[in-house]
Amino acid sequence: VHLTAAFRQLGVHSRMAAAAALQQ
């Protein structure tokens, strides 16, 4: 649930993209 919500906030659709967005 937390991952789905975080993906939506970051505008990403995968774990790798979310990690990259957070680091950036």
PDB file of all heavy atoms in Angstrom:
ATOM      1  N   VAL A   1       0.836  -1.200   0.000  1.00  0.00           N
ATOM      2  CA  VAL A   1       0.000   0.000   0.000  1.00  0.00           C
ATOM      3  C   VAL A   1       0.872   1.253   0.000  1.00  0.00           C
ATOM      4  O   VAL A   1       0.638   2.207  -0.764  1.00  0.00           O
ATOM      5  CB  VAL A   1      -0.942   0.012   1.227  1.00  0.00           C
ATOM      6  CG1 VAL A   1      -1.634   1.372   1.355  1.00  0.00           C
ATOM      7  CG2 VAL A   1      -1.979  -1.089   1.103  1.00  0.00           C
ATOM      8  N   HIS A   2       1.907   1.253   0.847  1.00  0.00           N
ATOM      9  CA  HIS A   2       2.804   2.411   0.920  1.00  0.00           C
ATOM     10  C   HIS A   2       3.571   2.593  -0.387  1.00  0.00           C
ATOM     11  O   HIS A   2       3.772   3.729  -0.850  1.00  0.00           O
ATOM     12  CB  HIS A   2       3.781   2.248   2.085  1.00  0.00           C
ATOM     13  CG  HIS A   2       3.152   2.421   3.434  1.00  0.00           C
ATOM     14  ND1 HIS A   2       2.417   3.533   3.775  1.00  0.00           N
ATOM     15  CD2 HIS A   2       3.156   1.622   4.532  1.00  0.00           C
ATOM     16  CE1 HIS A   2       1.991   3.422   5.032  1.00  0.00           C
ATOM     17  NE2 HIS A   2       2.426   2.264   5.502  1.00  0.00           N
ATOM     18  N   LEU A   3       3.997   1.498  -0.991  1.00  0.00           N
ATOM     19  CA  LEU A   3       4.735   1.590  -2.254  1.00  0.00           C
ATOM     20  C   LEU A   3       3.847   2.142  -3.367  1.00  0.00           C
ATOM     21  O   LEU A   3       4.278   2.998  -4.150  1.00  0.00           O
ATOM     22  CB  LEU A   3       5.277   0.218  -2.651  1.00  0.00           C
ATOM     23  CG  LEU A   3       6.514  -0.273  -1.894  1.00  0.00           C
ATOM     24  CD1 LEU A   3       6.885  -1.680  -2.342  1.00  0.00           C
ATOM     25  CD2 LEU A   3       7.692   0.669  -2.106  1.00  0.00           C
ATOM     26  N   THR A   4       2.627   1.667  -3.426  1.00  0.00           N
ATOM     27  CA  THR A   4       1.703   2.141  -4.465  1.00  0.00           C
ATOM     28  C   THR A   4       1.464   3.642  -4.338  1.00  0.00           C
ATOM     29  O   THR A   4       1.504   4.387  -5.330  1.00  0.00           O
ATOM     30  CB  THR A   4       0.357   1.401  -4.367  1.00  0.00           C
ATOM     31  OG1 THR A   4       0.579   0.001  -4.569  1.00  0.00           O
ATOM     32  CG2 THR A   4      -0.622   1.907  -5.415  1.00  0.00           C
ATOM     33  N   ALA A   5       1.258   4.097  -3.103  1.00  0.00           N
ATOM     34  CA  ALA A   5       1.028   5.521  -2.869  1.00  0.00           C
ATOM     35  C   ALA A   5       2.276   6.347  -3.190  1.00  0.00           C
ATOM     36  O   ALA A   5       2.192   7.427  -3.780  1.00  0.00           O
ATOM     37  CB  ALA A   5       0.611   5.744  -1.417  1.00  0.00           C
ATOM     38  N   ALA A   6       3.447   5.812  -2.825  1.00  0.00           N
ATOM     39  CA  ALA A   6       4.699   6.525  -3.092  1.00  0.00           C
ATOM     40  C   ALA A   6       4.976   6.595  -4.587  1.00  0.00           C
ATOM     41  O   ALA A   6       5.427   7.631  -5.102  1.00  0.00           O
ATOM     42  CB  ALA A   6       5.849   5.831  -2.368  1.00  0.00           C
ATOM     43  N   PHE A   7       4.709   5.494  -5.299  1.00  0.00           N
ATOM     44  CA  PHE A   7       4.899   5.496  -6.755  1.00  0.00           C
ATOM     45  C   PHE A   7       4.036   6.585  -7.387  1.00  0.00           C
ATOM     46  O   PHE A   7       4.468   7.290  -8.300  1.00  0.00           O
ATOM     47  CB  PHE A   7       4.511   4.138  -7.346  1.00  0.00           C
ATOM     48  CG  PHE A   7       5.515   3.047  -7.103  1.00  0.00           C
ATOM     49  CD1 PHE A   7       6.588   3.226  -6.250  1.00  0.00           C
ATOM     50  CD2 PHE A   7       5.381   1.811  -7.724  1.00  0.00           C
ATOM     51  CE1 PHE A   7       7.513   2.216  -6.025  1.00  0.00           C
ATOM     52  CE2 PHE A   7       6.292   0.795  -7.514  1.00  0.00           C
ATOM     53  CZ  PHE A   7       7.360   0.992  -6.651  1.00  0.00           C
ATOM     54  N   ARG A   8       2.796   6.718  -6.894  1.00  0.00           N
ATOM     55  CA  ARG A   8       1.876   7.704  -7.450  1.00  0.00           C
ATOM     56  C   ARG A   8       2.407   9.121  -7.197  1.00  0.00           C
ATOM     57  O   ARG A   8       2.366   9.983  -8.086  1.00  0.00           O
ATOM     58  CB  ARG A   8       0.489   7.531  -6.830  1.00  0.00           C
ATOM     59  CG  ARG A   8      -0.580   8.426  -7.450  1.00  0.00           C
ATOM     60  CD  ARG A   8      -1.933   8.215  -6.797  1.00  0.00           C
ATOM     61  NE  ARG A   8      -2.374   6.820  -6.897  1.00  0.00           N
ATOM     62  CZ  ARG A   8      -2.523   6.009  -5.872  1.00  0.00           C
ATOM     63  NH1 ARG A   8      -2.267   6.444  -4.657  1.00  0.00           N
ATOM     64  NH2 ARG A   8      -2.928   4.773  -6.039  1.00  0.00           N
ATOM     65  N   GLN A   9       2.916   9.356  -5.983  1.00  0.00           N
ATOM     66  CA  GLN A   9       3.437  10.682  -5.653  1.00  0.00           C
ATOM     67  C   GLN A   9       4.659  11.032  -6.494  1.00  0.00           C
ATOM     68  O   GLN A   9       4.846  12.177  -6.911  1.00  0.00           O
ATOM     69  CB  GLN A   9       3.814  10.745  -4.170  1.00  0.00           C
ATOM     70  CG  GLN A   9       2.630  10.745  -3.216  1.00  0.00           C
ATOM     71  CD  GLN A   9       1.927  12.098  -3.153  1.00  0.00           C
ATOM     72  OE1 GLN A   9       2.179  12.984  -3.957  1.00  0.00           O
ATOM     73  NE2 GLN A   9       1.019  12.238  -2.207  1.00  0.00           N
ATOM     74  N   LEU A  10       5.507  10.025  -6.749  1.00  0.00           N
ATOM     75  CA  LEU A  10       6.737  10.258  -7.510  1.00  0.00           C
ATOM     76  C   LEU A  10       6.518  10.194  -9.011  1.00  0.00           C
ATOM     77  O   LEU A  10       7.415  10.543  -9.784  1.00  0.00           O
ATOM     78  CB  LEU A  10       7.805   9.231  -7.097  1.00  0.00           C
ATOM     79  CG  LEU A  10       8.315   9.332  -5.654  1.00  0.00           C
ATOM     80  CD1 LEU A  10       9.227   8.154  -5.327  1.00  0.00           C
ATOM     81  CD2 LEU A  10       9.065  10.648  -5.424  1.00  0.00           C
ATOM     82  N   GLY A  11       5.349   9.709  -9.435  1.00  0.00           N
ATOM     83  CA  GLY A  11       5.057   9.609 -10.859  1.00  0.00           C
ATOM     84  C   GLY A  11       5.849   8.530 -11.549  1.00  0.00           C
ATOM     85  O   GLY A  11       6.276   8.691 -12.698  1.00  0.00           O
ATOM     86  N   VAL A  12       6.058   7.392 -10.858  1.00  0.00           N
ATOM     87  CA  VAL A  12       6.836   6.286 -11.419  1.00  0.00           C
ATOM     88  C   VAL A  12       5.986   5.016 -11.383  1.00  0.00           C
ATOM     89  O   VAL A  12       4.929   4.970 -10.753  1.00  0.00           O
ATOM     90  CB  VAL A  12       8.145   6.072 -10.649  1.00  0.00           C
ATOM     91  CG1 VAL A  12       9.028   7.312 -10.734  1.00  0.00           C
ATOM     92  CG2 VAL A  12       7.858   5.731  -9.180  1.00  0.00           C
ATOM     93  N   HIS A  13       6.497   3.965 -12.048  1.00  0.00           N
ATOM     94  CA  HIS A  13       5.719   2.730 -12.157  1.00  0.00           C
ATOM     95  C   HIS A  13       6.540   1.481 -11.810  1.00  0.00           C
ATOM     96  O   HIS A  13       6.070   0.372 -12.029  1.00  0.00           O
ATOM     97  CB  HIS A  13       5.149   2.583 -13.568  1.00  0.00           C
ATOM     98  CG  HIS A  13       4.296   3.742 -13.992  1.00  0.00           C
ATOM     99  ND1 HIS A  13       3.009   3.921 -13.546  1.00  0.00           N
ATOM    100  CD2 HIS A  13       4.576   4.798 -14.799  1.00  0.00           C
ATOM    101  CE1 HIS A  13       2.504   5.030 -14.072  1.00  0.00           C
ATOM    102  NE2 HIS A  13       3.433   5.580 -14.833  1.00  0.00           N
ATOM    103  N   SER A  14       7.751   1.647 -11.295  1.00  0.00           N
ATOM    104  CA  SER A  14       8.570   0.484 -10.961  1.00  0.00           C
ATOM    105  C   SER A  14       9.440   0.791  -9.753  1.00  0.00           C
ATOM    106  O   SER A  14       9.655   1.954  -9.399  1.00  0.00           O
ATOM    107  CB  SER A  14       9.465   0.085 -12.137  1.00  0.00           C
ATOM    108  OG  SER A  14      10.483   1.046 -12.340  1.00  0.00           O
ATOM    109  N   ARG A  15       9.939  -0.279  -9.141  1.00  0.00           N
ATOM    110  CA  ARG A  15      10.802  -0.131  -7.972  1.00  0.00           C
ATOM    111  C   ARG A  15      12.096   0.600  -8.320  1.00  0.00           C
ATOM    112  O   ARG A  15      12.552   1.468  -7.582  1.00  0.00           O
ATOM    113  CB  ARG A  15      11.115  -1.511  -7.383  1.00  0.00           C
ATOM    114  CG  ARG A  15       9.878  -2.254  -6.905  1.00  0.00           C
ATOM    115  CD  ARG A  15      10.185  -3.711  -6.591  1.00  0.00           C
ATOM    116  NE  ARG A  15      10.946  -3.862  -5.371  1.00  0.00           N
ATOM    117  CZ  ARG A  15      10.405  -4.004  -4.165  1.00  0.00           C
ATOM    118  NH1 ARG A  15       9.082  -3.983  -4.029  1.00  0.00           N
ATOM    119  NH2 ARG A  15      11.154  -4.153  -3.099  1.00  0.00           N
ATOM    120  N   MET A  16      12.689   0.241  -9.452  1.00  0.00           N
ATOM    121  CA  MET A  16      13.930   0.894  -9.859  1.00  0.00           C
ATOM    122  C   MET A  16      13.721   2.380 -10.113  1.00  0.00           C
ATOM    123  O   MET A  16      14.534   3.217  -9.716  1.00  0.00           O
ATOM    124  CB  MET A  16      14.493   0.217 -11.115  1.00  0.00           C
ATOM    125  CG  MET A  16      15.047  -1.177 -10.886  1.00  0.00           C
ATOM    126  SD  MET A  16      16.532  -1.157  -9.835  1.00  0.00           S
ATOM    127  CE  MET A  16      17.690  -0.382 -10.958  1.00  0.00           C
ATOM    128  N   ALA A  17      12.605   2.720 -10.757  1.00  0.00           N
ATOM    129  CA  ALA A  17      12.324   4.122 -11.053  1.00  0.00           C
ATOM    130  C   ALA A  17      12.071   4.902  -9.766  1.00  0.00           C
ATOM    131  O   ALA A  17      12.490   6.059  -9.631  1.00  0.00           O
ATOM    132  CB  ALA A  17      11.121   4.228 -11.983  1.00  0.00           C
ATOM    133  N   ALA A  18      11.399   4.268  -8.809  1.00  0.00           N
ATOM    134  CA  ALA A  18      11.135   4.928  -7.532  1.00  0.00           C
ATOM    135  C   ALA A  18      12.428   5.183  -6.774  1.00  0.00           C
ATOM    136  O   ALA A  18      12.632   6.261  -6.204  1.00  0.00           O
ATOM    137  CB  ALA A  18      10.195   4.072  -6.686  1.00  0.00           C
ATOM    138  N   ALA A  19      13.325   4.190  -6.770  1.00  0.00           N
ATOM    139  CA  ALA A  19      14.607   4.355  -6.095  1.00  0.00           C
ATOM    140  C   ALA A  19      15.409   5.477  -6.740  1.00  0.00           C
ATOM    141  O   ALA A  19      15.999   6.311  -6.049  1.00  0.00           O
ATOM    142  CB  ALA A  19      15.396   3.049  -6.150  1.00  0.00           C
ATOM    143  N   ALA A  20      15.415   5.520  -8.073  1.00  0.00           N
ATOM    144  CA  ALA A  20      16.152   6.563  -8.783  1.00  0.00           C
ATOM    145  C   ALA A  20      15.561   7.941  -8.510  1.00  0.00           C
ATOM    146  O   ALA A  20      16.291   8.917  -8.306  1.00  0.00           O
ATOM    147  CB  ALA A  20      16.145   6.272 -10.283  1.00  0.00           C
ATOM    148  N   ALA A  21      14.230   8.032  -8.468  1.00  0.00           N
ATOM    149  CA  ALA A  21      13.565   9.308  -8.224  1.00  0.00           C
ATOM    150  C   ALA A  21      13.862   9.815  -6.823  1.00  0.00           C
ATOM    151  O   ALA A  21      14.114  11.008  -6.612  1.00  0.00           O
ATOM    152  CB  ALA A  21      12.057   9.154  -8.418  1.00  0.00           C
ATOM    153  N   LEU A  22      13.848   8.903  -5.842  1.00  0.00           N
ATOM    154  CA  LEU A  22      14.132   9.299  -4.465  1.00  0.00           C
ATOM    155  C   LEU A  22      15.560   9.794  -4.332  1.00  0.00           C
ATOM    156  O   LEU A  22      15.827  10.811  -3.701  1.00  0.00           O
ATOM    157  CB  LEU A  22      13.885   8.122  -3.524  1.00  0.00           C
ATOM    158  CG  LEU A  22      14.001   8.441  -2.027  1.00  0.00           C
ATOM    159  CD1 LEU A  22      12.911   9.398  -1.596  1.00  0.00           C
ATOM    160  CD2 LEU A  22      13.943   7.164  -1.207  1.00  0.00           C
ATOM    161  N   GLN A  23      16.507   9.082  -4.938  1.00  0.00           N
ATOM    162  CA  GLN A  23      17.909   9.484  -4.871  1.00  0.00           C
ATOM    163  C   GLN A  23      18.119  10.826  -5.558  1.00  0.00           C
ATOM    164  O   GLN A  23      18.864  11.678  -5.073  1.00  0.00           O
ATOM    165  CB  GLN A  23      18.787   8.410  -5.507  1.00  0.00           C
ATOM    166  CG  GLN A  23      18.833   7.122  -4.700  1.00  0.00           C
ATOM    167  CD  GLN A  23      19.601   6.017  -5.390  1.00  0.00           C
ATOM    168  OE1 GLN A  23      20.022   6.178  -6.530  1.00  0.00           O
ATOM    169  NE2 GLN A  23      19.773   4.901  -4.724  1.00  0.00           N
ATOM    170  N   GLN A  24      17.471  11.032  -6.691  1.00  0.00           N
ATOM    171  CA  GLN A  24      17.633  12.276  -7.430  1.00  0.00           C
ATOM    172  C   GLN A  24      17.081  13.453  -6.638  1.00  0.00           C
ATOM    173  O   GLN A  24      17.693  14.517  -6.563  1.00  0.00           O
ATOM    174  CB  GLN A  24      16.918  12.191  -8.772  1.00  0.00           C
ATOM    175  CG  GLN A  24      17.074  13.455  -9.630  1.00  0.00           C
ATOM    176  CD  GLN A  24      16.390  13.311 -10.968  1.00  0.00           C
ATOM    177  OE1 GLN A  24      15.565  12.417 -11.169  1.00  0.00           O
ATOM    178  NE2 GLN A  24      16.732  14.171 -11.896  1.00  0.00           N
TER     179      GLN A  24
END
